[in-house]
């Protein structure tokens, strides 16, 4: 007489094979994701050094790795929105958006970058922090020529992010990123205003010295 559990071994074997396939895909995807993050981080450092061609090459390499990741996880679609894949997409988006903003070209669309919307939005927010760093580096070099432009870009980013009022489960923790951008924007506006006022004062004192 058959038992209700007679087919359990075959079910368990199917599950075991499926989980084994997922584990293999995950183990292949993880180092690729880490390499995307590493190359995107190097690209951002190159942007701050104004080595834009090197940044472009690094981001192209990162994009190629993302393509590899997509192929690895293609059979297991649930990995496409996993934390490690999304983090890789976010870092890549941050690098691409930062490069566009610093070089004065239109920021890329998420479809153009091939990343999901949550990764794109968080990468967009992180790029605001990189703009602050780039702006402060320029100020230290005595260059205020793009201060207002970069501050305006940061303001535009915040204005978009603050409208994305959806659960963090959908946006990948965007509220925290948006809060970060607000703080970065306020500090940068204060820093830039102070420097501009100091520069105006120095210019006025310089004119008085010449006239005197």
Protein backbone atom coordinates (compact mmCIF):
# COMPACT_ATOMS: atom_id res chain seq x y z
CA UNK A 1 0.00 0.00 0.00
CA UNK A 2 1.37 3.35 -1.01
CA UNK A 3 1.95 6.07 1.53
CA UNK A 4 1.16 9.80 1.11
CA UNK A 5 4.89 10.48 1.40
CA UNK A 6 6.05 8.00 -1.25
CA UNK A 7 6.74 10.84 -3.69
CA UNK A 8 8.55 12.97 -1.11
CA UNK A 9 12.01 11.78 -2.11
CA UNK A 10 11.50 12.80 -5.72
CA UNK A 11 10.10 16.18 -4.65
CA UNK A 12 13.08 16.70 -2.35
CA UNK A 13 15.50 15.81 -5.15
CA UNK A 14 13.90 18.36 -7.49
CA UNK A 15 14.09 21.01 -4.79
CA UNK A 16 17.71 20.07 -4.05
CA UNK A 17 18.66 20.41 -7.71
CA UNK A 18 16.87 23.75 -8.01
CA UNK A 19 18.54 25.15 -4.90
CA UNK A 20 21.90 23.84 -6.06
CA UNK A 21 21.48 25.67 -9.38
CA UNK A 22 20.57 28.86 -7.50
CA UNK A 23 23.59 28.50 -5.25
CA UNK A 24 25.89 28.11 -8.24
CA UNK A 25 24.37 31.18 -9.91
CA UNK A 26 24.74 33.18 -6.70
CA UNK A 27 28.37 32.16 -6.24
CA UNK A 28 29.10 33.24 -9.81
CA UNK A 29 27.21 36.54 -9.49
CA UNK A 30 28.68 37.71 -6.17
CA UNK A 31 32.29 38.27 -7.33
CA UNK A 32 31.02 39.92 -10.51
CA UNK A 33 28.91 42.31 -8.42
CA UNK A 34 31.89 43.10 -6.21
CA UNK A 35 33.97 43.86 -9.30
CA UNK A 36 31.27 46.18 -10.69
CA UNK A 37 31.29 48.08 -7.39
CA UNK A 38 35.10 48.23 -7.38
CA UNK A 39 35.37 49.51 -10.94
CA UNK A 40 32.56 52.03 -10.44
CA UNK A 41 34.31 53.30 -7.31
CA UNK A 42 37.58 53.66 -9.23
CA UNK A 43 35.70 55.53 -11.97
CA UNK A 44 34.34 58.02 -9.44
CA UNK A 45 37.83 58.60 -8.08
CA UNK A 46 39.02 59.21 -11.63
CA UNK A 47 36.21 61.76 -12.11
CA UNK A 48 37.42 63.70 -9.07
CA UNK A 49 40.91 63.71 -10.59
CA UNK A 50 39.31 64.95 -13.83
CA UNK A 51 40.58 61.84 -15.63
CA UNK A 52 37.35 61.51 -17.57
CA UNK A 53 38.61 59.12 -20.27
CA UNK A 54 39.80 56.69 -17.61
CA UNK A 55 36.45 56.99 -15.83
CA UNK A 56 34.67 56.22 -19.09
CA UNK A 57 36.78 53.10 -19.67
CA UNK A 58 36.15 51.85 -16.14
CA UNK A 59 32.41 52.38 -16.45
CA UNK A 60 32.32 50.56 -19.79
CA UNK A 61 34.06 47.64 -18.11
CA UNK A 62 31.55 47.77 -15.26
CA UNK A 63 28.68 47.72 -17.77
CA UNK A 64 30.16 44.63 -19.41
CA UNK A 65 30.31 42.92 -16.03
CA UNK A 66 26.67 43.81 -15.39
CA UNK A 67 25.82 42.10 -18.68
CA UNK A 68 27.65 39.01 -17.40
CA UNK A 69 25.64 39.16 -14.18
CA UNK A 70 22.38 39.34 -16.11
CA UNK A 71 23.32 36.20 -18.03
CA UNK A 72 24.29 34.35 -14.85
CA UNK A 73 21.01 35.12 -13.05
CA UNK A 74 18.77 34.92 -16.13
CA UNK A 75 17.30 31.57 -15.10
CA UNK A 76 16.68 32.73 -11.53
CA UNK A 77 14.82 35.99 -11.93
CA UNK A 78 14.52 36.55 -8.19
CA UNK A 79 18.23 37.41 -8.10
CA UNK A 80 17.65 40.35 -10.43
CA UNK A 81 16.22 42.35 -7.51
CA UNK A 82 18.46 40.91 -4.82
CA UNK A 83 20.52 43.22 -2.65
CA UNK A 84 23.89 42.36 -4.15
CA UNK A 85 22.74 42.83 -7.77
CA UNK A 86 20.92 46.05 -6.91
CA UNK A 87 23.98 47.42 -5.09
CA UNK A 88 26.11 46.78 -8.16
CA UNK A 89 23.56 48.57 -10.35
CA UNK A 90 23.39 51.47 -7.89
CA UNK A 91 27.17 51.97 -7.87
CA UNK A 92 27.29 51.83 -11.66
CA UNK A 93 24.42 54.33 -11.95
CA UNK A 94 26.15 56.62 -9.45
CA UNK A 95 29.32 56.59 -11.53
CA UNK A 96 27.52 57.20 -14.82
CA UNK A 97 25.34 60.00 -13.43
CA UNK A 98 28.27 61.67 -11.66
CA UNK A 99 30.35 61.62 -14.84
CA UNK A 100 27.47 63.17 -16.80
CA UNK A 101 26.87 65.93 -14.27
CA UNK A 102 30.54 66.83 -13.87
CA UNK A 103 31.16 66.91 -17.62
CA UNK A 104 27.98 68.89 -18.27
CA UNK A 105 26.02 66.41 -20.39
CA UNK A 106 22.47 65.11 -19.94
CA UNK A 107 22.15 62.45 -17.27
CA UNK A 108 21.42 58.96 -18.66
CA UNK A 109 18.01 57.31 -18.46
CA UNK A 110 17.73 54.13 -16.34
CA UNK A 111 16.85 52.14 -19.49
CA UNK A 112 20.05 53.41 -21.08
CA UNK A 113 22.04 52.21 -18.09
CA UNK A 114 20.19 48.91 -17.88
CA UNK A 115 19.55 49.12 -14.13
CA UNK A 116 16.29 48.92 -12.22
CA UNK A 117 14.51 52.03 -11.01
CA UNK A 118 15.39 51.61 -7.33
CA UNK A 119 19.10 51.20 -8.12
CA UNK A 120 18.93 54.22 -10.41
CA UNK A 121 17.24 56.47 -7.85
CA UNK A 122 19.66 55.53 -5.10
CA UNK A 123 22.58 56.01 -7.48
CA UNK A 124 21.16 59.41 -8.41
CA UNK A 125 21.04 60.35 -4.73
CA UNK A 126 24.58 59.15 -4.09
CA UNK A 127 25.80 61.24 -7.04
CA UNK A 128 24.70 64.37 -5.14
CA UNK A 129 27.26 63.53 -2.47
CA UNK A 130 29.93 63.20 -5.16
CA UNK A 131 28.93 66.59 -6.57
CA UNK A 132 29.48 68.13 -3.13
CA UNK A 133 32.94 66.58 -2.98
CA UNK A 134 33.75 67.80 -6.51
CA UNK A 135 32.48 71.30 -5.70
CA UNK A 136 34.49 71.52 -2.47
CA UNK A 137 37.63 70.38 -4.29
CA UNK A 138 37.04 73.14 -6.84
CA UNK A 139 36.55 75.72 -4.08
CA UNK A 140 39.84 74.69 -2.48
CA UNK A 141 41.52 75.32 -5.83
CA UNK A 142 39.92 78.77 -5.95
CA UNK A 143 37.53 77.86 -8.76
CA UNK A 144 33.95 79.03 -8.18
CA UNK A 145 32.96 79.01 -11.84
CA UNK A 146 30.63 75.99 -11.60
CA UNK A 147 29.51 76.34 -8.01
CA UNK A 148 25.98 77.54 -8.76
CA UNK A 149 25.57 75.03 -11.57
CA UNK A 150 26.53 72.03 -9.45
CA UNK A 151 24.46 73.25 -6.50
CA UNK A 152 21.47 73.61 -8.83
CA UNK A 153 21.96 70.03 -10.05
CA UNK A 154 21.99 68.81 -6.44
CA UNK A 155 18.81 70.79 -5.77
CA UNK A 156 17.14 69.24 -8.83
CA UNK A 157 18.11 65.75 -7.65
CA UNK A 158 16.64 66.33 -4.21
CA UNK A 159 13.45 67.81 -5.71
CA UNK A 160 12.93 64.57 -7.65
CA UNK A 161 13.84 62.15 -4.87
CA UNK A 162 11.54 63.79 -2.32
CA UNK A 163 8.55 63.07 -4.59
CA UNK A 164 9.26 59.30 -4.65
CA UNK A 165 7.04 58.55 -1.68
CA UNK A 166 6.90 54.76 -1.87
CA UNK A 167 7.72 51.98 0.62
CA UNK A 168 11.41 51.23 1.11
CA UNK A 169 10.75 47.65 0.01
CA UNK A 170 10.04 49.05 -3.46
CA UNK A 171 12.64 51.81 -3.57
CA UNK A 172 15.52 49.99 -1.89
CA UNK A 173 15.78 52.30 1.12
CA UNK A 174 15.43 55.53 -0.85
CA UNK A 175 14.16 57.50 2.16
CA UNK A 176 17.56 57.20 3.83
CA UNK A 177 19.28 58.29 0.62
CA UNK A 178 16.90 61.24 0.27
CA UNK A 179 17.60 62.32 3.86
CA UNK A 180 21.32 62.17 3.08
CA UNK A 181 20.86 64.32 -0.02
CA UNK A 182 18.90 66.93 1.96
CA UNK A 183 21.72 67.22 4.48
CA UNK A 184 24.38 67.36 1.77
CA UNK A 185 22.42 70.02 -0.12
CA UNK A 186 21.95 72.23 2.95
CA UNK A 187 25.63 72.04 3.91
CA UNK A 188 26.78 72.70 0.37
CA UNK A 189 24.48 75.70 -0.03
CA UNK A 190 25.81 77.11 3.23
CA UNK A 191 29.45 76.48 2.28
CA UNK A 192 29.07 77.98 -1.18
CA UNK A 193 27.20 81.05 0.10
CA UNK A 194 29.93 81.71 2.66
CA UNK A 195 32.71 81.40 0.08
CA UNK A 196 30.92 83.67 -2.41
CA UNK A 197 30.38 86.33 0.26
CA UNK A 198 34.02 86.14 1.27
CA UNK A 199 35.05 86.47 -2.37
CA UNK A 200 32.78 89.50 -2.84
CA UNK A 201 34.24 91.10 0.29
CA UNK A 202 37.79 90.45 -0.91
CA UNK A 203 36.95 91.99 -4.30
CA UNK A 204 35.47 95.10 -2.66
CA UNK A 205 38.49 95.48 -0.37
CA UNK A 206 40.76 95.07 -3.37
CA UNK A 207 38.98 97.88 -5.22
CA UNK A 208 39.28 100.13 -2.18
CA UNK A 209 43.02 99.46 -2.03
CA UNK A 210 43.37 100.35 -5.71
CA UNK A 211 41.28 103.49 -5.37
CA UNK A 212 43.15 104.51 -2.21
